[in-house]
């Protein structure tokens, strides 16, 4: 997070991916990776990559409230290139997040 706060996004993403090699069942790391990818998404392909990262995180750690919150963030993005915008899905994901991380 220090790299993110310093604006060193590429280094931060590299570090998160590197940490996930060892700590693959850490929801906070997955949530950080999803958030970083989502923050720079501008094309439909970018948003699809965010969604794929979200699905991958759920395969590794399906009960992480932080991961579900990032899925909701993706669904709440009204960017015109985001094919995953859905208030219904965002609400569903937030309800999962509350169950798993009260």
Foldseek 3Di string as FASTA:
>chain_A
DVCVVVVVLVVLLVVLVVVCVPVVQDLVSLLVNLVSLLVPDQALVSLVVSVVSLVSSCVRHVLALSSLQSLLVLLCDPRVRRPNPDNVSSVVSNVSSVVRPD
